[in-house]
Amino acid sequence: RLDPPRIVASFGSSISANCSTDVADYLLLDWESPLGFSKKTGPKTVTWIVESLTEWDMKPFCYISVNTDVPKQLPLSLTVYKTPDTVSISTVNHAGPTVEGRQYELKCDIQNVAPVGNVIVKWYKGDTLVGSTTFTESSKTPENLLATLQISPSRDDNGAQYRCEAELDLGPEGPQPPPAVMSDPLNITVHCKLHMRAWWSETAKLAKLKFCNVSCLVF
């Protein structure tokens, strides 16, 4: 049996796992792995030790021989993770103020994160969660990721701050709370649409330039 049966560890960290048996007259008990070393730590226990975890996709296993038959293998579930180097948020193909009611796209750039399939991108407006993005890729090695969010600002959104957060959901064996990196805020300025009802004047032209925290109706 393995203790623990699953390990979730950050790249570069040290780990260890025990393999033990209740069989008294076993012939061989040991570990097979491209990294680390095994050490007998009890009459029926062998420990696998890695001082620095520098492989992304290992499949270590313990094996035991109790007679001349093929050894029985016990695979250890191992997940190696890395938090992003940077997370940033920006608008796509747009600069400057937005206009209420129009569609805009925000993008979240995530640099050098693993494993990709465990990443959840969370989108916030202020402190409110407004969306999330997951990935189906199965890459175990670090990748650069891009997530997008469609928004349609209203006049009440003038001055709002959008942020994105890359979280690694590594299950109950992983760190709690899950490791996450948040972007700096993106400030949104909203210009309102001008609604003309009767006439056009210099006053209307000035009103068109005002932010949406003032009335945009011109009579």
Protein backbone atom coordinates (compact mmCIF):
# COMPACT_ATOMS: atom_id res chain seq x y z
CA ARG A 1 0.00 0.00 0.00
CA LEU A 2 1.04 3.59 -0.62
CA ASP A 3 1.06 6.40 1.89
CA PRO A 4 -0.01 8.85 0.65
CA PRO A 5 -1.69 7.38 -2.48
CA ARG A 6 -1.70 10.81 -4.17
CA ILE A 7 0.71 13.75 -4.00
CA VAL A 8 0.13 17.30 -5.22
CA ALA A 9 3.33 19.34 -5.07
CA SER A 10 4.83 22.50 -6.52
CA PHE A 11 7.66 22.31 -9.03
CA GLY A 12 11.02 22.28 -7.23
CA SER A 13 9.65 21.11 -3.89
CA SER A 14 10.70 18.02 -1.93
CA ILE A 15 8.36 15.03 -1.60
CA SER A 16 8.32 11.52 -0.19
CA ALA A 17 6.00 8.51 -0.20
CA ASN A 18 6.02 5.19 1.63
CA CYS A 19 5.35 1.78 0.12
CA SER A 20 4.67 -1.02 2.59
CA THR A 21 3.38 -4.58 2.64
CA ASP A 22 1.88 -7.02 5.12
CA VAL A 23 3.50 -9.97 3.36
CA ALA A 24 6.18 -11.45 5.59
CA ASP A 25 8.18 -13.40 3.02
CA TYR A 26 8.27 -11.00 0.05
CA LEU A 27 11.23 -11.24 -2.29
CA LEU A 28 11.55 -7.61 -3.38
CA LEU A 29 9.98 -4.26 -2.46
CA ASP A 30 11.18 -1.09 -4.18
CA TRP A 31 10.32 2.03 -6.21
CA GLU A 32 10.74 2.78 -9.90
CA SER A 33 11.10 6.44 -10.92
CA PRO A 34 13.34 8.60 -13.14
CA LEU A 35 13.87 10.99 -10.23
CA GLY A 36 14.84 10.64 -6.59
CA PHE A 37 15.93 7.54 -4.68
CA SER A 38 14.43 4.80 -2.54
CA LYS A 39 15.39 3.99 1.03
CA LYS A 40 14.34 1.11 3.27
CA THR A 41 12.77 2.74 6.31
CA GLY A 42 11.31 -0.33 8.02
CA PRO A 43 11.21 -4.13 7.81
CA LYS A 44 8.33 -3.95 5.31
CA THR A 45 8.54 -0.32 4.13
CA VAL A 46 10.48 1.45 1.39
CA THR A 47 10.36 5.24 1.05
CA TRP A 48 10.71 7.15 -2.21
CA ILE A 49 12.43 10.51 -1.66
CA VAL A 50 12.75 13.43 -4.06
CA GLU A 51 14.74 16.40 -2.80
CA SER A 52 13.81 18.69 -5.72
CA LEU A 53 10.87 17.95 -8.01
CA THR A 54 12.17 18.85 -11.48
CA GLU A 55 10.05 16.60 -13.73
CA TRP A 56 6.56 17.56 -14.87
CA ASP A 57 5.01 14.27 -15.95
CA MET A 58 6.37 11.37 -13.93
CA LYS A 59 4.58 8.10 -13.24
CA PRO A 60 6.43 6.61 -10.25
CA PHE A 61 5.34 3.24 -8.95
CA CYS A 62 6.17 0.83 -6.17
CA TYR A 63 6.56 -2.84 -7.02
CA ILE A 64 6.56 -5.96 -4.90
CA SER A 65 7.52 -9.56 -5.66
CA VAL A 66 6.21 -12.25 -3.35
CA ASN A 67 7.29 -15.20 -5.49
CA THR A 68 8.73 -15.80 -8.92
CA ASP A 69 5.69 -14.28 -10.68
CA VAL A 70 5.67 -10.87 -12.34
CA PRO A 71 5.99 -8.11 -9.68
CA LYS A 72 2.81 -6.29 -8.69
CA GLN A 73 2.93 -2.54 -9.42
CA LEU A 74 1.29 0.20 -7.35
CA PRO A 75 1.29 3.54 -9.24
CA LEU A 76 1.52 6.77 -7.26
CA SER A 77 -0.73 9.59 -8.46
CA LEU A 78 1.49 12.67 -8.75
CA THR A 79 0.46 16.18 -9.82
CA VAL A 80 3.14 18.83 -10.26
CA TYR A 81 1.93 22.42 -10.39
CA LYS A 82 3.29 25.91 -10.93
CA THR A 83 1.51 29.20 -10.28
CA PRO A 84 1.63 31.82 -13.09
CA ASP A 85 4.55 34.20 -13.41
CA THR A 86 2.16 37.02 -14.32
CA VAL A 87 -1.57 37.60 -14.84
CA SER A 88 -2.74 40.72 -16.70
CA ILE A 89 -6.05 42.10 -18.00
CA SER A 90 -6.66 44.42 -20.97
CA THR A 91 -9.22 45.30 -23.65
CA VAL A 92 -9.07 43.68 -27.10
CA ASN A 93 -8.66 46.04 -30.08
CA HIS A 94 -9.77 49.06 -28.07
CA ALA A 95 -8.17 51.91 -26.17
CA GLY A 96 -9.68 54.76 -24.20
CA PRO A 97 -13.24 55.24 -22.91
CA THR A 98 -16.08 52.86 -23.72
CA VAL A 99 -19.60 53.78 -24.83
CA GLU A 100 -22.61 52.46 -22.94
CA GLY A 101 -24.45 49.61 -24.62
CA ARG A 102 -21.65 48.63 -26.99
CA GLN A 103 -19.92 45.26 -26.85
CA TYR A 104 -16.30 45.02 -25.75
CA GLU A 105 -13.96 42.13 -25.13
CA LEU A 106 -11.58 41.79 -22.20
CA LYS A 107 -8.65 39.41 -22.27
CA CYS A 108 -6.69 37.80 -19.46
CA ASP A 109 -3.10 36.83 -20.24
CA ILE A 110 -1.66 34.11 -17.99
CA GLN A 111 2.03 33.37 -18.29
CA ASN A 112 3.76 30.07 -17.50
CA VAL A 113 1.24 28.01 -15.49
CA ALA A 114 0.78 24.25 -15.03
CA PRO A 115 -1.10 22.01 -15.26
CA VAL A 116 -3.38 23.71 -17.77
CA GLY A 117 -6.42 21.52 -17.13
CA ASN A 118 -6.57 22.64 -13.48
CA VAL A 119 -6.66 26.38 -14.23
CA ILE A 120 -9.84 28.37 -13.58
CA VAL A 121 -9.91 32.02 -14.65
CA LYS A 122 -12.29 34.08 -12.52
CA TRP A 123 -13.53 37.48 -13.68
CA TYR A 124 -14.44 40.21 -11.21
CA LYS A 125 -16.16 43.57 -11.51
CA GLY A 126 -15.23 45.21 -8.25
CA ASP A 127 -15.64 42.42 -5.71
CA THR A 128 -18.40 40.66 -7.67
CA LEU A 129 -17.66 37.48 -9.62
CA VAL A 130 -19.07 38.01 -13.13
CA GLY A 131 -17.69 34.99 -15.03
CA SER A 132 -15.26 32.09 -15.14
CA THR A 133 -13.25 30.26 -17.80
CA THR A 134 -11.83 26.72 -17.77
CA PHE A 135 -9.51 24.89 -20.15
CA THR A 136 -9.71 21.39 -21.63
CA GLU A 137 -6.04 21.01 -22.53
CA SER A 138 -4.22 18.17 -20.77
CA SER A 139 -0.70 19.61 -20.88
CA LYS A 140 1.33 18.88 -17.74
CA THR A 141 4.09 21.35 -18.63
CA PRO A 142 3.81 25.15 -18.20
CA GLU A 143 1.86 27.02 -20.88
CA ASN A 144 0.77 30.58 -21.64
CA LEU A 145 -3.03 30.91 -21.59
CA LEU A 146 -5.52 33.46 -22.89
CA ALA A 147 -9.10 33.85 -21.63
CA THR A 148 -11.70 36.37 -22.83
CA LEU A 149 -14.87 37.96 -21.46
CA GLN A 150 -17.55 39.91 -23.33
CA ILE A 151 -18.92 43.00 -21.58
CA SER A 152 -21.52 45.65 -22.44
CA PRO A 153 -20.97 48.59 -20.07
CA SER A 154 -23.85 50.63 -18.72
CA ARG A 155 -23.62 54.17 -17.37
CA ASP A 156 -23.51 52.71 -13.86
CA ASP A 157 -20.24 50.98 -14.78
CA ASN A 158 -18.36 54.26 -15.17
CA GLY A 159 -15.30 53.97 -12.92
CA ALA A 160 -15.72 50.21 -12.43
CA GLN A 161 -12.64 48.05 -11.99
CA TYR A 162 -12.33 44.69 -13.74
CA ARG A 163 -9.83 42.05 -12.65
CA CYS A 164 -9.05 38.47 -13.61
CA GLU A 165 -7.64 35.78 -11.36
CA ALA A 166 -5.92 32.52 -12.37
CA GLU A 167 -6.67 29.82 -9.81
CA LEU A 168 -5.28 26.28 -9.69
CA ASP A 169 -7.98 23.86 -8.56
CA LEU A 170 -5.88 20.89 -7.46
CA GLY A 171 -8.48 18.96 -5.50
CA PRO A 172 -8.62 18.08 -1.79
CA GLU A 173 -4.99 16.91 -1.74
CA GLY A 174 -3.79 20.26 -3.07
CA PRO A 175 -3.12 23.43 -1.09
CA GLN A 176 -6.10 25.06 0.61
CA PRO A 177 -7.18 27.63 -0.28
CA PRO A 178 -6.21 26.94 -3.91
CA PRO A 179 -3.19 28.94 -5.11
CA ALA A 180 -4.21 31.95 -7.21
CA VAL A 181 -2.68 35.02 -8.85
CA MET A 182 -4.76 38.17 -9.41
CA SER A 183 -4.23 40.78 -12.12
CA ASP A 184 -3.96 44.50 -11.47
CA PRO A 185 -7.33 46.25 -11.94
CA LEU A 186 -8.49 47.60 -15.29
CA ASN A 187 -10.42 50.85 -14.85
CA ILE A 188 -13.40 51.36 -17.16
CA THR A 189 -14.56 54.81 -18.23
CA VAL A 190 -18.04 54.85 -19.80
CA HIS A 191 -19.30 57.56 -22.14
CA CYS A 192 -23.04 57.58 -22.64
CA LYS A 193 -25.01 57.51 -25.85
CA LEU A 194 -26.58 60.84 -26.80
CA HIS A 195 -30.35 60.76 -27.23
CA MET A 196 -31.55 63.68 -29.36
CA ARG A 197 -35.24 64.50 -29.18
CA ALA A 198 -35.66 67.88 -30.80
CA TRP A 199 -32.68 69.88 -31.88
CA TRP A 200 -28.93 69.88 -32.22
CA SER A 201 -26.91 72.64 -30.58
CA GLU A 202 -23.56 73.40 -29.03
CA THR A 203 -25.07 72.32 -25.73
CA ALA A 204 -25.78 68.89 -27.20
CA LYS A 205 -22.24 68.61 -28.50
CA LEU A 206 -20.91 69.30 -25.04
CA ALA A 207 -23.30 66.83 -23.46
CA LYS A 208 -22.07 64.09 -25.77
CA LEU A 209 -18.62 64.37 -24.26
CA LYS A 210 -19.74 64.07 -20.67
CA PHE A 211 -19.47 60.88 -18.64
CA CYS A 212 -22.53 58.91 -17.70
CA ASN A 213 -22.68 60.13 -14.14
CA VAL A 214 -24.65 63.07 -15.54
CA SER A 215 -27.80 63.14 -17.61
CA CYS A 216 -27.34 62.35 -21.27
CA LEU A 217 -30.81 63.32 -22.44
CA VAL A 218 -30.84 66.52 -24.48
CA PHE A 219 -34.12 68.27 -25.35
